[in-house]
C-alpha atoms as a PDB file:
ATOM      1  CA  MET A   1      -4.576 -19.804  11.782  1.00  0.00           C
ATOM      2  CA  LEU A   2      -1.221 -18.509  10.263  1.00  0.00           C
ATOM      3  CA  ASP A   3       1.222 -19.877   7.795  1.00  0.00           C
ATOM      4  CA  LEU A   4       4.573 -18.657   8.832  1.00  0.00           C
ATOM      5  CA  ASP A   5       6.851 -20.203   6.018  1.00  0.00           C
ATOM      6  CA  PHE A   6       6.287 -16.657   3.870  1.00  0.00           C
ATOM      7  CA  ALA A   7       6.885 -13.664   6.422  1.00  0.00           C
ATOM      8  CA  ARG A   8       6.498 -10.995   3.231  1.00  0.00           C
ATOM      9  CA  ASP A   9       2.760 -12.846   2.747  1.00  0.00           C
ATOM     10  CA  LEU A  10       1.912 -11.970   6.796  1.00  0.00           C
ATOM     11  CA  VAL A  11       3.313  -8.368   6.414  1.00  0.00           C
ATOM     12  CA  MET A  12       1.046  -7.927   3.060  1.00  0.00           C
ATOM     13  CA  THR A  13      -1.944  -9.220   5.262  1.00  0.00           C
ATOM     14  CA  GLY A  14      -1.349  -6.733   8.023  1.00  0.00           C
ATOM     15  CA  VAL A  15      -1.124  -4.162   5.878  1.00  0.00           C
ATOM     16  CA  ILE A  16      -4.394  -5.295   3.974  1.00  0.00           C
ATOM     17  CA  PHE A  17      -5.992  -5.497   7.333  1.00  0.00           C
ATOM     18  CA  GLY A  18      -4.384  -1.958   8.536  1.00  0.00           C
ATOM     19  CA  ALA A  19      -5.961  -0.576   5.621  1.00  0.00           C
ATOM     20  CA  ALA A  20      -9.208  -2.107   5.639  1.00  0.00           C
ATOM     21  CA  ALA A  21      -9.430  -1.082   9.443  1.00  0.00           C
ATOM     22  CA  PHE A  22      -8.411   2.671   8.522  1.00  0.00           C
ATOM     23  CA  VAL A  23     -10.979   3.176   5.721  1.00  0.00           C
ATOM     24  CA  TRP A  24     -14.069   1.308   7.277  1.00  0.00           C
ATOM     25  CA  ALA A  25     -13.170   4.035  10.690  1.00  0.00           C
ATOM     26  CA  GLY A  26     -13.315   6.272   8.071  1.00  0.00           C
ATOM     27  CA  TRP A  27     -16.658   5.475   6.769  1.00  0.00           C
ATOM     28  CA  GLY A  28     -18.042   5.462  10.432  1.00  0.00           C
ATOM     29  CA  GLN A  29     -16.791   9.096  11.043  1.00  0.00           C
ATOM     30  CA  GLU A  30     -19.730  10.272   8.227  1.00  0.00           C
ATOM     31  CA  ARG A  31     -22.706  10.197  10.903  1.00  0.00           C
ATOM     32  CA  PRO A  32     -21.795   8.424  14.360  1.00  0.00           C
ATOM     33  CA  PRO A  33     -24.060   8.911  17.505  1.00  0.00           C
ATOM     34  CA  GLU A  34     -24.165  12.287  18.783  1.00  0.00           C
ATOM     35  CA  GLY A  35     -20.700  13.401  21.405  1.00  0.00           C
ATOM     36  CA  VAL A  36     -17.464  13.309  20.946  1.00  0.00           C
ATOM     37  CA  THR A  37     -16.819   9.419  22.315  1.00  0.00           C
ATOM     38  CA  TRP A  38     -17.634   7.827  18.827  1.00  0.00           C
ATOM     39  CA  ARG A  39     -15.454  10.113  17.103  1.00  0.00           C
ATOM     40  CA  VAL A  40     -12.615   9.608  19.583  1.00  0.00           C
ATOM     41  CA  VAL A  41     -12.938   5.607  19.072  1.00  0.00           C
ATOM     42  CA  LEU A  42     -13.402   6.118  15.409  1.00  0.00           C
ATOM     43  CA  VAL A  43     -10.429   8.210  15.357  1.00  0.00           C
ATOM     44  CA  VAL A  44      -8.119   5.727  17.544  1.00  0.00           C
ATOM     45  CA  LEU A  45      -9.344   2.549  15.217  1.00  0.00           C
ATOM     46  CA  GLN A  46      -7.993   4.840  12.313  1.00  0.00           C
ATOM     47  CA  ALA A  47      -4.875   5.622  13.830  1.00  0.00           C
ATOM     48  CA  ALA A  48      -4.188   1.731  14.691  1.00  0.00           C
ATOM     49  CA  GLY A  49      -4.906   0.768  11.198  1.00  0.00           C
ATOM     50  CA  LEU A  50      -2.102   3.641   9.658  1.00  0.00           C
ATOM     51  CA  VAL A  51       0.237   2.050  11.911  1.00  0.00           C
ATOM     52  CA  LEU A  52      -0.267  -1.074  10.043  1.00  0.00           C
ATOM     53  CA  VAL A  53      -0.095   0.519   7.293  1.00  0.00           C
ATOM     54  CA  SER A  54       2.713   2.324   7.987  1.00  0.00           C
ATOM     55  CA  PHE A  55       4.907  -0.002   9.073  1.00  0.00           C
ATOM     56  CA  VAL A  56       5.238  -1.065   5.017  1.00  0.00           C
ATOM     57  CA  GLY A  57       4.953   2.471   3.977  1.00  0.00           C
ATOM     58  CA  ILE A  58       7.934   2.946   6.077  1.00  0.00           C
ATOM     59  CA  HIS A  59      10.243   0.249   6.084  1.00  0.00           C
ATOM     60  CA  PHE A  60      10.412  -0.271   2.254  1.00  0.00           C
ATOM     61  CA  LEU A  61      14.048  -0.819   2.833  1.00  0.00           C
ATOM     62  CA  PRO A  62      13.886  -3.513   4.800  1.00  0.00           C
ATOM     63  CA  LEU A  63      11.234  -4.878   2.533  1.00  0.00           C
ATOM     64  CA  ALA A  64      13.783  -4.920   0.064  1.00  0.00           C
ATOM     65  CA  PHE A  65      15.565  -7.626   1.631  1.00  0.00           C
ATOM     66  CA  VAL A  66      11.996  -9.704   2.799  1.00  0.00           C
ATOM     67  CA  PHE A  67      10.883  -9.342  -0.711  1.00  0.00           C
ATOM     68  CA  GLY A  68      14.457  -9.557  -2.465  1.00  0.00           C
ATOM     69  CA  GLN A  69      13.983  -6.506  -4.948  1.00  0.00           C
ATOM     70  CA  PRO A  70      16.591  -3.865  -4.491  1.00  0.00           C
ATOM     71  CA  ILE A  71      13.803  -1.714  -6.353  1.00  0.00           C
ATOM     72  CA  MET A  72      12.371  -0.748  -2.806  1.00  0.00           C
ATOM     73  CA  VAL A  73      15.862   0.868  -1.864  1.00  0.00           C
ATOM     74  CA  LEU A  74      15.193   3.310  -4.108  1.00  0.00           C
ATOM     75  CA  ALA A  75      11.736   3.788  -3.227  1.00  0.00           C
ATOM     76  CA  ALA A  76      12.500   3.967   0.512  1.00  0.00           C
ATOM     77  CA  VAL A  77      14.897   6.859  -0.428  1.00  0.00           C
ATOM     78  CA  LEU A  78      12.238   8.831  -2.931  1.00  0.00           C
ATOM     79  CA  VAL A  79       9.343   8.361  -0.551  1.00  0.00           C
ATOM     80  CA  ALA A  80      11.318   9.758   2.378  1.00  0.00           C
ATOM     81  CA  ALA A  81      12.912  12.576   0.398  1.00  0.00           C
ATOM     82  CA  ALA A  82       8.649  13.344  -0.584  1.00  0.00           C
ATOM     83  CA  GLY A  83       7.802  13.100   3.171  1.00  0.00           C
ATOM     84  CA  ILE A  84      10.263  15.943   3.887  1.00  0.00           C
ATOM     85  CA  ALA A  85       9.262  18.224   1.100  1.00  0.00           C
ATOM     86  CA  ALA A  86       5.185  17.510   1.803  1.00  0.00           C
ATOM     87  CA  LEU A  87       6.388  18.936   5.309  1.00  0.00           C
ATOM     88  CA  LEU A  88       8.868  22.171   3.889  1.00  0.00           C
ATOM     89  CA  LEU A  89       6.046  23.019   0.856  1.00  0.00           C
ATOM     90  CA  PRO A  90       3.856  25.587   2.006  1.00  0.00           C
ATOM     91  CA  TRP A  91       0.754  24.867   3.959  1.00  0.00           C
ATOM     92  CA  LYS A  92      -1.193  28.088   3.204  1.00  0.00           C
ATOM     93  CA  VAL A  93      -1.444  26.673  -1.025  1.00  0.00           C
ATOM     94  CA  ALA A  94      -2.692  22.959   0.391  1.00  0.00           C
ATOM     95  CA  ALA A  95      -2.114  20.372   3.390  1.00  0.00           C
ATOM     96  CA  PRO A  96       0.816  18.462   3.576  1.00  0.00           C
ATOM     97  CA  SER A  97      -1.595  15.440   2.979  1.00  0.00           C
ATOM     98  CA  PHE A  98      -1.956  16.657  -0.875  1.00  0.00           C
ATOM     99  CA  TRP A  99       1.895  17.529  -1.307  1.00  0.00           C
ATOM    100  CA  CYS A 100       2.356  14.105   0.339  1.00  0.00           C
ATOM    101  CA  GLY A 101       0.243  12.569  -2.331  1.00  0.00           C
ATOM    102  CA  ILE A 102       0.839  14.590  -5.744  1.00  0.00           C
ATOM    103  CA  LEU A 103       4.635  13.948  -4.995  1.00  0.00           C
ATOM    104  CA  ALA A 104       4.682  10.341  -3.623  1.00  0.00           C
ATOM    105  CA  GLY A 105       1.863   8.870  -6.025  1.00  0.00           C
ATOM    106  CA  PRO A 106       4.430   9.164  -9.104  1.00  0.00           C
ATOM    107  CA  ILE A 107       6.928   7.500  -6.614  1.00  0.00           C
ATOM    108  CA  PHE A 108       5.293   4.697  -6.158  1.00  0.00           C
ATOM    109  CA  LEU A 109       3.513   4.546  -9.786  1.00  0.00           C
ATOM    110  CA  GLY A 110       7.482   4.169 -11.031  1.00  0.00           C
ATOM    111  CA  PRO A 111       8.785   1.522  -9.551  1.00  0.00           C
ATOM    112  CA  GLY A 112       5.509  -0.199  -9.565  1.00  0.00           C
ATOM    113  CA  ALA A 113       5.410  -0.342 -13.366  1.00  0.00           C
ATOM    114  CA  ILE A 114       9.012  -1.153 -13.748  1.00  0.00           C
ATOM    115  CA  ALA A 115       8.428  -4.364 -11.493  1.00  0.00           C
ATOM    116  CA  LEU A 116       5.054  -5.386 -13.503  1.00  0.00           C
ATOM    117  CA  VAL A 117       6.533  -5.060 -17.004  1.00  0.00           C
ATOM    118  CA  PRO A 118       8.755  -8.020 -16.579  1.00  0.00           C
ATOM    119  CA  ALA A 119       6.523  -9.856 -14.062  1.00  0.00           C
ATOM    120  CA  LEU A 120       3.566  -9.351 -16.992  1.00  0.00           C
ATOM    121  CA  ALA A 121       6.430 -10.922 -19.773  1.00  0.00           C
ATOM    122  CA  ALA A 122       7.824 -13.239 -17.309  1.00  0.00           C
ATOM    123  CA  LEU A 123       4.075 -14.865 -16.946  1.00  0.00           C
ATOM    124  CA  GLY A 124       3.365 -14.222 -20.549  1.00  0.00           C
ATOM    125  CA  GLY A 125       4.639 -17.997 -20.975  1.00  0.00           C
ATOM    126  CA  LYS A 126       2.603 -19.228 -18.136  1.00  0.00           C
ATOM    127  CA  LEU A 127      -0.813 -17.721 -18.380  1.00  0.00           C
ATOM    128  CA  SER A 128      -2.813 -19.854 -20.823  1.00  0.00           C
ATOM    129  CA  ARG A 129      -5.953 -18.777 -22.582  1.00  0.00           C
ATOM    130  CA  ARG A 130      -9.276 -19.962 -21.028  1.00  0.00           C
ATOM    131  CA  ALA A 131     -11.899 -21.205 -23.622  1.00  0.00           C
ATOM    132  CA  PRO A 132     -15.740 -20.547 -23.216  1.00  0.00           C
ATOM    133  CA  GLY A 133     -16.808 -22.357 -20.167  1.00  0.00           C
ATOM    134  CA  GLY A 134     -13.414 -21.933 -17.896  1.00  0.00           C
ATOM    135  CA  SER A 135     -11.622 -25.121 -19.106  1.00  0.00           C
ATOM    136  CA  PRO A 136      -8.017 -24.716 -20.493  1.00  0.00           C
ATOM    137  CA  SER A 137      -7.638 -24.545 -24.037  1.00  0.00           C
ATOM    138  CA  PRO A 138      -5.061 -26.583 -26.038  1.00  0.00           C
ATOM    139  CA  THR A 139      -1.773 -25.075 -26.330  1.00  0.00           C
ATOM    140  CA  ARG A 140      -0.497 -25.547 -29.881  1.00  0.00           C
END
């Protein structure tokens, strides 16, 4: 049922399912049956999904070693600083969730782009163009 040879894949799988649980239970909040019970159940499901997602979100430092990517250490430090700043910024202007999004969004994009550029360059030599019909085109 699970391939235990690649721990990082299992971590990401857990995060993906956690995000899905959070989102789908959130959609369920739109118009549940009357009463508070179903809303509480949905919130518990969302919280459980967030726990799975936050395992990776909070634990970039250990993931730096799992993935062998030191840039994740930088992301861990910067995201932690953004979270602290979000709690200290004025709540009357905007909710802490806004501050987290506006501060952490660029932090995630920065290392993501830094990692993507050399990855695409490395893959460039390994990708072949596909001819119409899906078969690989001949290489020259």
